[in-house]
Amino acid sequence: MSATSPVAGNHWFDRRCARAFWSQHELPPYQQLLRHTIAWLDPAPGQYWLDLGCGCGQLSRALWDKSAGQLEGILALDCAATNAKALEALRASYSPPIAPERLRFQQADFSLGLVGLPSERFDGVVSGLAIQYAQHYCPRENRWTETAYDRLLTEVARVLRPGGQFLFSVNVPNPAWLRVAVHSLPALFTTRRPLRFLRNSLRMMRYGNWLTRESARGRFHYLPAERIQEKLLQAGFTQIEYRLSYSRQAYLFRARRAGKSAL
């Protein structure tokens, strides 16, 4: 594949990479981030939400639970096709199972935008440690740029209804992965499947090294909070606030699409 291909050298499309991160929710730093995210989530009965970069569906589960199953539906979008299996297992884990039309998986590369999604369709968008991996390579300039990142923020504003909530997390600049690893060690002694946990942890460390190298090249985007705020304002968001989470290695942002809700 050429260097300009969205798939070339991108492990996020790889089944093994996606599955390695399925057990991430067992780690204390991620559990902290999940708690903080849930505290800021504001789903209401009858709303339709987008889980952007859904992974194995932990935020989709959080949306469903916090709304007491009263949402119109959730669209879980991710570039890795294998995550469809995780979302199907999530759907079937409820009794009765969540209806397929109310929890739906869609494979898509959000580096290209939110192609095919209608404008002002969603009441809220949630994303966990995902949007920072929107990538764009400019062959004319022979470098990676922030074009896809900026486009994705604009696209999120487009698909949100006026006043809709955008809640997302991204890593801080130069994240200290060792700090995350050390804070994650207690989970090794509480997980029901320690060998699987250890194997996936080693895989996550390997992929983490890849992410660090690629972010240094400008392919991925671990940006200062002030710069993210500027981008959100430019994309049409307001009421922007953020906090640290994930062992202080991630920002959790909350913002609203400009304009008044019709409700």
C-alpha atoms as a PDB file:
ATOM      1  CA  MET A   1       0.000   0.000   0.000  1.00  0.00           C
ATOM      2  CA  SER A   2       1.086   3.567  -0.587  1.00  0.00           C
ATOM      3  CA  ALA A   3       1.994   5.902   2.272  1.00  0.00           C
ATOM      4  CA  THR A   4      -1.172   7.875   1.549  1.00  0.00           C
ATOM      5  CA  SER A   5      -3.468   4.880   2.113  1.00  0.00           C
ATOM      6  CA  PRO A   6      -5.539   5.283   5.306  1.00  0.00           C
ATOM      7  CA  VAL A   7      -4.843   1.625   6.093  1.00  0.00           C
ATOM      8  CA  ALA A   8      -1.117   1.523   5.287  1.00  0.00           C
ATOM      9  CA  GLY A   9       0.774   0.689   8.453  1.00  0.00           C
ATOM     10  CA  ASN A  10      -2.245   1.518  10.625  1.00  0.00           C
ATOM     11  CA  HIS A  11      -2.652  -1.169  13.279  1.00  0.00           C
ATOM     12  CA  TRP A  12      -6.070   0.160  14.315  1.00  0.00           C
ATOM     13  CA  PHE A  13      -7.546  -1.747  11.375  1.00  0.00           C
ATOM     14  CA  ASP A  14      -5.881  -4.961  12.574  1.00  0.00           C
ATOM     15  CA  ARG A  15      -8.014  -7.536  14.382  1.00  0.00           C
ATOM     16  CA  ARG A  16      -5.192  -8.366  16.814  1.00  0.00           C
ATOM     17  CA  CYS A  17      -4.738  -4.729  17.803  1.00  0.00           C
ATOM     18  CA  ALA A  18      -8.453  -4.178  18.329  1.00  0.00           C
ATOM     19  CA  ARG A  19      -8.807  -7.298  20.446  1.00  0.00           C
ATOM     20  CA  ALA A  20      -5.752  -6.444  22.531  1.00  0.00           C
ATOM     21  CA  PHE A  21      -7.563  -3.318  23.690  1.00  0.00           C
ATOM     22  CA  TRP A  22     -10.789  -5.182  24.555  1.00  0.00           C
ATOM     23  CA  SER A  23      -9.422  -5.860  28.037  1.00  0.00           C
ATOM     24  CA  GLN A  24      -8.357  -2.231  28.546  1.00  0.00           C
ATOM     25  CA  HIS A  25     -11.496  -1.602  30.599  1.00  0.00           C
ATOM     26  CA  GLU A  26     -10.077  -3.859  33.343  1.00  0.00           C
ATOM     27  CA  LEU A  27      -7.216  -1.424  34.000  1.00  0.00           C
ATOM     28  CA  PRO A  28      -7.599   1.017  36.918  1.00  0.00           C
ATOM     29  CA  PRO A  29      -6.564   4.064  34.817  1.00  0.00           C
ATOM     30  CA  TYR A  30      -9.237   3.251  32.238  1.00  0.00           C
ATOM     31  CA  GLN A  31     -11.805   2.562  34.960  1.00  0.00           C
ATOM     32  CA  GLN A  32     -11.073   6.032  36.340  1.00  0.00           C
ATOM     33  CA  LEU A  33     -11.556   7.558  32.898  1.00  0.00           C
ATOM     34  CA  LEU A  34     -14.781   5.599  32.422  1.00  0.00           C
ATOM     35  CA  ARG A  35     -16.142   6.831  35.774  1.00  0.00           C
ATOM     36  CA  HIS A  36     -15.315  10.428  34.909  1.00  0.00           C
ATOM     37  CA  THR A  37     -16.863  10.049  31.453  1.00  0.00           C
ATOM     38  CA  ILE A  38     -20.063   8.527  32.803  1.00  0.00           C
ATOM     39  CA  ALA A  39     -20.350  11.348  35.362  1.00  0.00           C
ATOM     40  CA  TRP A  40     -20.364  13.873  32.503  1.00  0.00           C
ATOM     41  CA  LEU A  41     -22.614  11.906  30.146  1.00  0.00           C
ATOM     42  CA  ASP A  42     -26.092  13.356  29.793  1.00  0.00           C
ATOM     43  CA  PRO A  43     -28.275  11.001  27.706  1.00  0.00           C
ATOM     44  CA  ALA A  44     -32.027  11.547  27.821  1.00  0.00           C
ATOM     45  CA  PRO A  45     -34.939   9.286  26.849  1.00  0.00           C
ATOM     46  CA  GLY A  46     -35.642   9.237  23.127  1.00  0.00           C
ATOM     47  CA  GLN A  47     -32.215  10.533  22.103  1.00  0.00           C
ATOM     48  CA  TYR A  48     -29.922   9.071  19.456  1.00  0.00           C
ATOM     49  CA  TRP A  49     -26.186   8.910  20.192  1.00  0.00           C
ATOM     50  CA  LEU A  50     -22.974   8.198  18.301  1.00  0.00           C
ATOM     51  CA  ASP A  51     -20.154   6.229  19.965  1.00  0.00           C
ATOM     52  CA  LEU A  52     -17.193   7.333  17.851  1.00  0.00           C
ATOM     53  CA  GLY A  53     -14.279   4.874  17.819  1.00  0.00           C
ATOM     54  CA  CYS A  54     -16.361   2.491  19.918  1.00  0.00           C
ATOM     55  CA  GLY A  55     -13.826  -0.317  20.444  1.00  0.00           C
ATOM     56  CA  CYS A  56     -15.500  -3.100  22.423  1.00  0.00           C
ATOM     57  CA  GLY A  57     -18.414  -0.855  23.381  1.00  0.00           C
ATOM     58  CA  GLN A  58     -17.775   0.250  26.960  1.00  0.00           C
ATOM     59  CA  LEU A  59     -19.150   3.734  26.282  1.00  0.00           C
ATOM     60  CA  SER A  60     -22.131   2.309  24.416  1.00  0.00           C
ATOM     61  CA  ARG A  61     -22.886   0.244  27.505  1.00  0.00           C
ATOM     62  CA  ALA A  62     -22.498   3.334  29.684  1.00  0.00           C
ATOM     63  CA  LEU A  63     -24.931   5.282  27.509  1.00  0.00           C
ATOM     64  CA  TRP A  64     -27.491   2.505  27.573  1.00  0.00           C
ATOM     65  CA  ASP A  65     -27.245   2.013  31.318  1.00  0.00           C
ATOM     66  CA  LYS A  66     -27.304   5.698  32.236  1.00  0.00           C
ATOM     67  CA  SER A  67     -30.401   6.244  30.073  1.00  0.00           C
ATOM     68  CA  ALA A  68     -32.044   3.158  31.669  1.00  0.00           C
ATOM     69  CA  GLY A  69     -32.478   1.744  28.167  1.00  0.00           C
ATOM     70  CA  GLN A  70     -34.633   4.697  27.109  1.00  0.00           C
ATOM     71  CA  LEU A  71     -32.532   5.923  24.194  1.00  0.00           C
ATOM     72  CA  GLU A  72     -33.891   5.789  20.666  1.00  0.00           C
ATOM     73  CA  GLY A  73     -30.599   4.145  19.775  1.00  0.00           C
ATOM     74  CA  ILE A  74     -26.820   4.151  19.610  1.00  0.00           C
ATOM     75  CA  LEU A  75     -24.654   3.963  16.508  1.00  0.00           C
ATOM     76  CA  ALA A  76     -21.271   2.470  17.424  1.00  0.00           C
ATOM     77  CA  LEU A  77     -18.686   3.351  14.772  1.00  0.00           C
ATOM     78  CA  ASP A  78     -15.151   1.971  14.499  1.00  0.00           C
ATOM     79  CA  CYS A  79     -12.551   1.269  11.813  1.00  0.00           C
ATOM     80  CA  ALA A  80     -11.891  -2.306  13.010  1.00  0.00           C
ATOM     81  CA  ALA A  81     -14.475  -4.747  11.661  1.00  0.00           C
ATOM     82  CA  THR A  82     -13.812  -7.235  14.458  1.00  0.00           C
ATOM     83  CA  ASN A  83     -15.428  -4.866  16.944  1.00  0.00           C
ATOM     84  CA  ALA A  84     -18.779  -5.845  15.462  1.00  0.00           C
ATOM     85  CA  LYS A  85     -18.453  -9.105  17.429  1.00  0.00           C
ATOM     86  CA  ALA A  86     -17.872  -7.223  20.666  1.00  0.00           C
ATOM     87  CA  LEU A  87     -20.923  -5.031  20.062  1.00  0.00           C
ATOM     88  CA  GLU A  88     -23.051  -8.061  19.247  1.00  0.00           C
ATOM     89  CA  ALA A  89     -21.963  -9.701  22.493  1.00  0.00           C
ATOM     90  CA  LEU A  90     -22.803  -6.482  24.343  1.00  0.00           C
ATOM     91  CA  ARG A  91     -26.235  -6.328  22.734  1.00  0.00           C
ATOM     92  CA  ALA A  92     -26.953  -9.952  23.665  1.00  0.00           C
ATOM     93  CA  SER A  93     -25.725  -9.554  27.254  1.00  0.00           C
ATOM     94  CA  TYR A  94     -28.890  -7.683  28.256  1.00  0.00           C
ATOM     95  CA  SER A  95     -32.102  -9.429  29.197  1.00  0.00           C
ATOM     96  CA  PRO A  96     -34.006  -9.036  26.995  1.00  0.00           C
ATOM     97  CA  PRO A  97     -31.294  -8.338  24.387  1.00  0.00           C
ATOM     98  CA  ILE A  98     -31.074  -4.807  22.989  1.00  0.00           C
ATOM     99  CA  ALA A  99     -32.896  -4.689  19.663  1.00  0.00           C
ATOM    100  CA  PRO A 100     -30.455  -4.596  16.704  1.00  0.00           C
ATOM    101  CA  GLU A 101     -31.858  -1.303  15.436  1.00  0.00           C
ATOM    102  CA  ARG A 102     -31.232   0.325  18.831  1.00  0.00           C
ATOM    103  CA  LEU A 103     -27.554  -0.687  19.100  1.00  0.00           C
ATOM    104  CA  ARG A 104     -25.952  -0.830  15.686  1.00  0.00           C
ATOM    105  CA  PHE A 105     -22.312  -1.204  14.643  1.00  0.00           C
ATOM    106  CA  GLN A 106     -20.876   0.499  11.563  1.00  0.00           C
ATOM    107  CA  GLN A 107     -17.353   0.048  10.241  1.00  0.00           C
ATOM    108  CA  ALA A 108     -15.890   3.302   8.970  1.00  0.00           C
ATOM    109  CA  ASP A 109     -12.611   5.204   8.907  1.00  0.00           C
ATOM    110  CA  PHE A 110     -13.320   8.500  10.645  1.00  0.00           C
ATOM    111  CA  SER A 111     -10.060   9.911   9.269  1.00  0.00           C
ATOM    112  CA  LEU A 112     -12.139  10.470   6.132  1.00  0.00           C
ATOM    113  CA  GLY A 113     -14.854  12.261   8.078  1.00  0.00           C
ATOM    114  CA  LEU A 114     -18.312  10.955   9.001  1.00  0.00           C
ATOM    115  CA  VAL A 115     -19.234  10.131   5.435  1.00  0.00           C
ATOM    116  CA  GLY A 116     -22.858   9.113   4.946  1.00  0.00           C
ATOM    117  CA  LEU A 117     -24.092  10.221   8.353  1.00  0.00           C
ATOM    118  CA  PRO A 118     -26.897  12.791   8.069  1.00  0.00           C
ATOM    119  CA  SER A 119     -26.525  16.292   9.437  1.00  0.00           C
ATOM    120  CA  GLU A 120     -28.082  17.085  12.837  1.00  0.00           C
ATOM    121  CA  ARG A 121     -29.024  13.434  13.390  1.00  0.00           C
ATOM    122  CA  PHE A 122     -27.445  12.866  16.816  1.00  0.00           C
ATOM    123  CA  ASP A 123     -28.307  14.331  20.189  1.00  0.00           C
ATOM    124  CA  GLY A 124     -24.862  13.440  21.532  1.00  0.00           C
ATOM    125  CA  VAL A 125     -21.481  12.085  20.502  1.00  0.00           C
ATOM    126  CA  VAL A 126     -19.124  10.287  22.868  1.00  0.00           C
ATOM    127  CA  SER A 127     -15.600   9.098  22.109  1.00  0.00           C
ATOM    128  CA  GLY A 128     -12.934   7.460  24.256  1.00  0.00           C
ATOM    129  CA  LEU A 129      -9.232   7.935  23.388  1.00  0.00           C
ATOM    130  CA  ALA A 130     -10.007   7.740  19.680  1.00  0.00           C
ATOM    131  CA  ILE A 131     -10.274  11.004  17.745  1.00  0.00           C
ATOM    132  CA  GLN A 132      -6.565  11.755  18.241  1.00  0.00           C
ATOM    133  CA  TYR A 133      -5.843   8.975  15.721  1.00  0.00           C
ATOM    134  CA  ALA A 134      -7.503  10.708  12.778  1.00  0.00           C
ATOM    135  CA  GLN A 135      -4.678  10.753  10.230  1.00  0.00           C
ATOM    136  CA  HIS A 136      -3.908  12.613   7.028  1.00  0.00           C
ATOM    137  CA  TYR A 137      -0.758  12.442   4.930  1.00  0.00           C
ATOM    138  CA  CYS A 138      -0.115  15.278   2.474  1.00  0.00           C
ATOM    139  CA  PRO A 139       2.012  14.019  -0.427  1.00  0.00           C
ATOM    140  CA  ARG A 140       2.561  17.558  -1.691  1.00  0.00           C
ATOM    141  CA  GLU A 141       4.101  18.619   1.625  1.00  0.00           C
ATOM    142  CA  ASN A 142       5.521  15.130   2.271  1.00  0.00           C
ATOM    143  CA  ARG A 143       4.304  15.093   5.870  1.00  0.00           C
ATOM    144  CA  TRP A 144       1.475  14.147   8.192  1.00  0.00           C
ATOM    145  CA  THR A 145      -0.933  16.996   9.007  1.00  0.00           C
ATOM    146  CA  GLU A 146      -3.801  17.778  11.381  1.00  0.00           C
ATOM    147  CA  THR A 147      -6.266  18.070   8.485  1.00  0.00           C
ATOM    148  CA  ALA A 148      -8.165  14.878   9.382  1.00  0.00           C
ATOM    149  CA  TYR A 149      -8.347  15.850  13.060  1.00  0.00           C
ATOM    150  CA  ASP A 150      -9.775  19.276  12.222  1.00  0.00           C
ATOM    151  CA  ARG A 151     -12.183  17.790   9.674  1.00  0.00           C
ATOM    152  CA  LEU A 152     -13.426  15.248  12.192  1.00  0.00           C
ATOM    153  CA  LEU A 153     -14.258  17.953  14.749  1.00  0.00           C
ATOM    154  CA  THR A 154     -16.165  19.846  12.057  1.00  0.00           C
ATOM    155  CA  GLU A 155     -17.971  16.654  11.057  1.00  0.00           C
ATOM    156  CA  VAL A 156     -18.970  15.940  14.651  1.00  0.00           C
ATOM    157  CA  ALA A 157     -20.480  19.427  14.832  1.00  0.00           C
ATOM    158  CA  ARG A 158     -22.289  18.756  11.553  1.00  0.00           C
ATOM    159  CA  VAL A 159     -23.975  15.526  12.697  1.00  0.00           C
ATOM    160  CA  LEU A 160     -24.916  16.941  16.120  1.00  0.00           C
ATOM    161  CA  ARG A 161     -28.167  18.750  16.654  1.00  0.00           C
ATOM    162  CA  PRO A 162     -27.850  22.336  17.950  1.00  0.00           C
ATOM    163  CA  GLY A 163     -27.024  22.176  21.631  1.00  0.00           C
ATOM    164  CA  GLY A 164     -25.956  18.537  21.355  1.00  0.00           C
ATOM    165  CA  GLN A 165     -23.254  17.224  23.685  1.00  0.00           C
ATOM    166  CA  PHE A 166     -19.787  16.176  22.532  1.00  0.00           C
ATOM    167  CA  LEU A 167     -17.883  14.283  25.226  1.00  0.00           C
ATOM    168  CA  PHE A 168     -14.479  12.830  24.370  1.00  0.00           C
ATOM    169  CA  SER A 169     -11.114  11.889  25.816  1.00  0.00           C
ATOM    170  CA  VAL A 170      -7.656  12.231  24.277  1.00  0.00           C
ATOM    171  CA  ASN A 171      -4.168  11.641  25.612  1.00  0.00           C
ATOM    172  CA  VAL A 172      -2.041  14.487  26.938  1.00  0.00           C
ATOM    173  CA  PRO A 173       1.153  15.501  25.105  1.00  0.00           C
ATOM    174  CA  ASN A 174       3.972  12.989  25.684  1.00  0.00           C
ATOM    175  CA  PRO A 175       1.860  10.579  27.746  1.00  0.00           C
ATOM    176  CA  ALA A 176       3.767   8.685  30.416  1.00  0.00           C
ATOM    177  CA  TRP A 177       2.800   5.138  29.475  1.00  0.00           C
ATOM    178  CA  LEU A 178       4.973   3.743  32.274  1.00  0.00           C
ATOM    179  CA  ARG A 179       2.802   5.587  34.800  1.00  0.00           C
ATOM    180  CA  VAL A 180      -0.288   3.989  33.239  1.00  0.00           C
ATOM    181  CA  ALA A 181       1.393   0.567  33.346  1.00  0.00           C
ATOM    182  CA  VAL A 182       2.364   0.898  37.005  1.00  0.00           C
ATOM    183  CA  HIS A 183      -1.148   2.004  37.989  1.00  0.00           C
ATOM    184  CA  SER A 184      -2.527  -0.960  36.027  1.00  0.00           C
ATOM    185  CA  LEU A 185      -0.553  -3.657  37.873  1.00  0.00           C
ATOM    186  CA  PRO A 186      -3.212  -4.354  40.548  1.00  0.00           C
ATOM    187  CA  ALA A 187      -5.595  -5.545  37.837  1.00  0.00           C
ATOM    188  CA  LEU A 188      -3.311  -8.506  37.135  1.00  0.00           C
ATOM    189  CA  PHE A 189      -4.233  -9.946  40.540  1.00  0.00           C
ATOM    190  CA  THR A 190      -7.981  -9.386  40.267  1.00  0.00           C
ATOM    191  CA  THR A 191      -8.737 -10.405  36.678  1.00  0.00           C
ATOM    192  CA  ARG A 192     -10.433 -13.757  36.153  1.00  0.00           C
ATOM    193  CA  ARG A 193      -8.143 -14.574  33.226  1.00  0.00           C
ATOM    194  CA  PRO A 194      -4.639 -13.427  34.209  1.00  0.00           C
ATOM    195  CA  LEU A 195      -2.790 -15.069  31.290  1.00  0.00           C
ATOM    196  CA  ARG A 196      -5.051 -13.434  28.726  1.00  0.00           C
ATOM    197  CA  PHE A 197      -4.773 -10.166  30.611  1.00  0.00           C
ATOM    198  CA  LEU A 198      -0.980 -10.346  30.628  1.00  0.00           C
ATOM    199  CA  ARG A 199      -0.822 -11.231  26.939  1.00  0.00           C
ATOM    200  CA  ASN A 200      -3.096  -8.336  25.982  1.00  0.00           C
ATOM    201  CA  SER A 201      -1.172  -5.962  28.265  1.00  0.00           C
ATOM    202  CA  LEU A 202       2.075  -6.826  26.492  1.00  0.00           C
ATOM    203  CA  ARG A 203       0.383  -6.275  23.141  1.00  0.00           C
ATOM    204  CA  MET A 204      -0.960  -2.911  24.282  1.00  0.00           C
ATOM    205  CA  MET A 205       2.555  -1.911  25.342  1.00  0.00           C
ATOM    206  CA  ARG A 206       3.880  -2.840  21.908  1.00  0.00           C
ATOM    207  CA  TYR A 207       1.148  -0.870  20.163  1.00  0.00           C
ATOM    208  CA  GLY A 208       1.736   1.980  22.614  1.00  0.00           C
ATOM    209  CA  ASN A 209       5.340   2.221  21.448  1.00  0.00           C
ATOM    210  CA  TRP A 210       4.074   2.420  17.874  1.00  0.00           C
ATOM    211  CA  LEU A 211       1.614   5.178  18.815  1.00  0.00           C
ATOM    212  CA  THR A 212       4.354   7.175  20.515  1.00  0.00           C
ATOM    213  CA  ARG A 213       6.641   6.934  17.473  1.00  0.00           C
ATOM    214  CA  GLU A 214       3.881   7.898  15.061  1.00  0.00           C
ATOM    215  CA  SER A 215       2.688  10.817  17.179  1.00  0.00           C
ATOM    216  CA  ALA A 216       6.264  12.137  17.202  1.00  0.00           C
ATOM    217  CA  ARG A 217       6.106  12.093  13.391  1.00  0.00           C
ATOM    218  CA  GLY A 218       2.869  14.100  13.444  1.00  0.00           C
ATOM    219  CA  ARG A 219       0.686  11.210  12.284  1.00  0.00           C
ATOM    220  CA  PHE A 220      -1.319  11.113  15.515  1.00  0.00           C
ATOM    221  CA  HIS A 221      -2.162  14.031  17.760  1.00  0.00           C
ATOM    222  CA  TYR A 222      -1.452  14.327  21.478  1.00  0.00           C
ATOM    223  CA  LEU A 223      -2.180  18.034  21.742  1.00  0.00           C
ATOM    224  CA  PRO A 224      -2.159  20.586  24.593  1.00  0.00           C
ATOM    225  CA  ALA A 225      -5.573  21.326  26.068  1.00  0.00           C
ATOM    226  CA  GLU A 226      -5.451  24.959  24.946  1.00  0.00           C
ATOM    227  CA  ARG A 227      -4.945  23.925  21.335  1.00  0.00           C
ATOM    228  CA  ILE A 228      -7.842  21.478  21.492  1.00  0.00           C
ATOM    229  CA  GLN A 229     -10.041  24.251  22.879  1.00  0.00           C
ATOM    230  CA  GLU A 230      -9.114  26.459  19.933  1.00  0.00           C
ATOM    231  CA  LYS A 231      -9.973  23.702  17.480  1.00  0.00           C
ATOM    232  CA  LEU A 232     -13.322  23.091  19.153  1.00  0.00           C
ATOM    233  CA  LEU A 233     -14.211  26.772  18.960  1.00  0.00           C
ATOM    234  CA  GLN A 234     -13.254  26.880  15.277  1.00  0.00           C
ATOM    235  CA  ALA A 235     -15.400  23.807  14.607  1.00  0.00           C
ATOM    236  CA  GLY A 236     -18.484  25.434  16.129  1.00  0.00           C
ATOM    237  CA  PHE A 237     -18.525  24.255  19.743  1.00  0.00           C
ATOM    238  CA  THR A 238     -19.212  26.232  22.882  1.00  0.00           C
ATOM    239  CA  GLN A 239     -19.431  25.654  26.669  1.00  0.00           C
ATOM    240  CA  ILE A 240     -16.047  23.916  26.514  1.00  0.00           C
ATOM    241  CA  GLU A 241     -14.555  22.429  29.677  1.00  0.00           C
ATOM    242  CA  TYR A 242     -12.092  19.684  30.471  1.00  0.00           C
ATOM    243  CA  ARG A 243     -10.438  17.730  33.261  1.00  0.00           C
ATOM    244  CA  LEU A 244      -7.529  15.322  33.667  1.00  0.00           C
ATOM    245  CA  SER A 245      -8.135  11.586  34.013  1.00  0.00           C
ATOM    246  CA  TYR A 246      -6.561   8.208  33.139  1.00  0.00           C
ATOM    247  CA  SER A 247      -3.794   8.588  35.757  1.00  0.00           C
ATOM    248  CA  ARG A 248      -3.475  12.197  34.527  1.00  0.00           C
ATOM    249  CA  GLN A 249      -2.492  10.951  31.078  1.00  0.00           C
ATOM    250  CA  ALA A 250      -5.693  11.999  29.296  1.00  0.00           C
ATOM    251  CA  TYR A 251      -7.943  15.008  28.973  1.00  0.00           C
ATOM    252  CA  LEU A 252     -11.689  14.541  29.162  1.00  0.00           C
ATOM    253  CA  PHE A 253     -13.459  17.283  27.208  1.00  0.00           C
ATOM    254  CA  ARG A 254     -17.111  18.297  27.289  1.00  0.00           C
ATOM    255  CA  ALA A 255     -18.600  20.752  24.816  1.00  0.00           C
ATOM    256  CA  ARG A 256     -21.867  21.663  23.110  1.00  0.00           C
ATOM    257  CA  ARG A 257     -22.592  22.358  19.489  1.00  0.00           C
ATOM    258  CA  ALA A 258     -23.373  26.044  19.133  1.00  0.00           C
ATOM    259  CA  GLY A 259     -27.051  26.901  18.776  1.00  0.00           C
ATOM    260  CA  LYS A 260     -30.146  26.225  20.824  1.00  0.00           C
ATOM    261  CA  SER A 261     -31.774  22.829  21.063  1.00  0.00           C
ATOM    262  CA  ALA A 262     -35.217  22.488  19.521  1.00  0.00           C
ATOM    263  CA  LEU A 263     -36.430  20.796  22.716  1.00  0.00           C
END
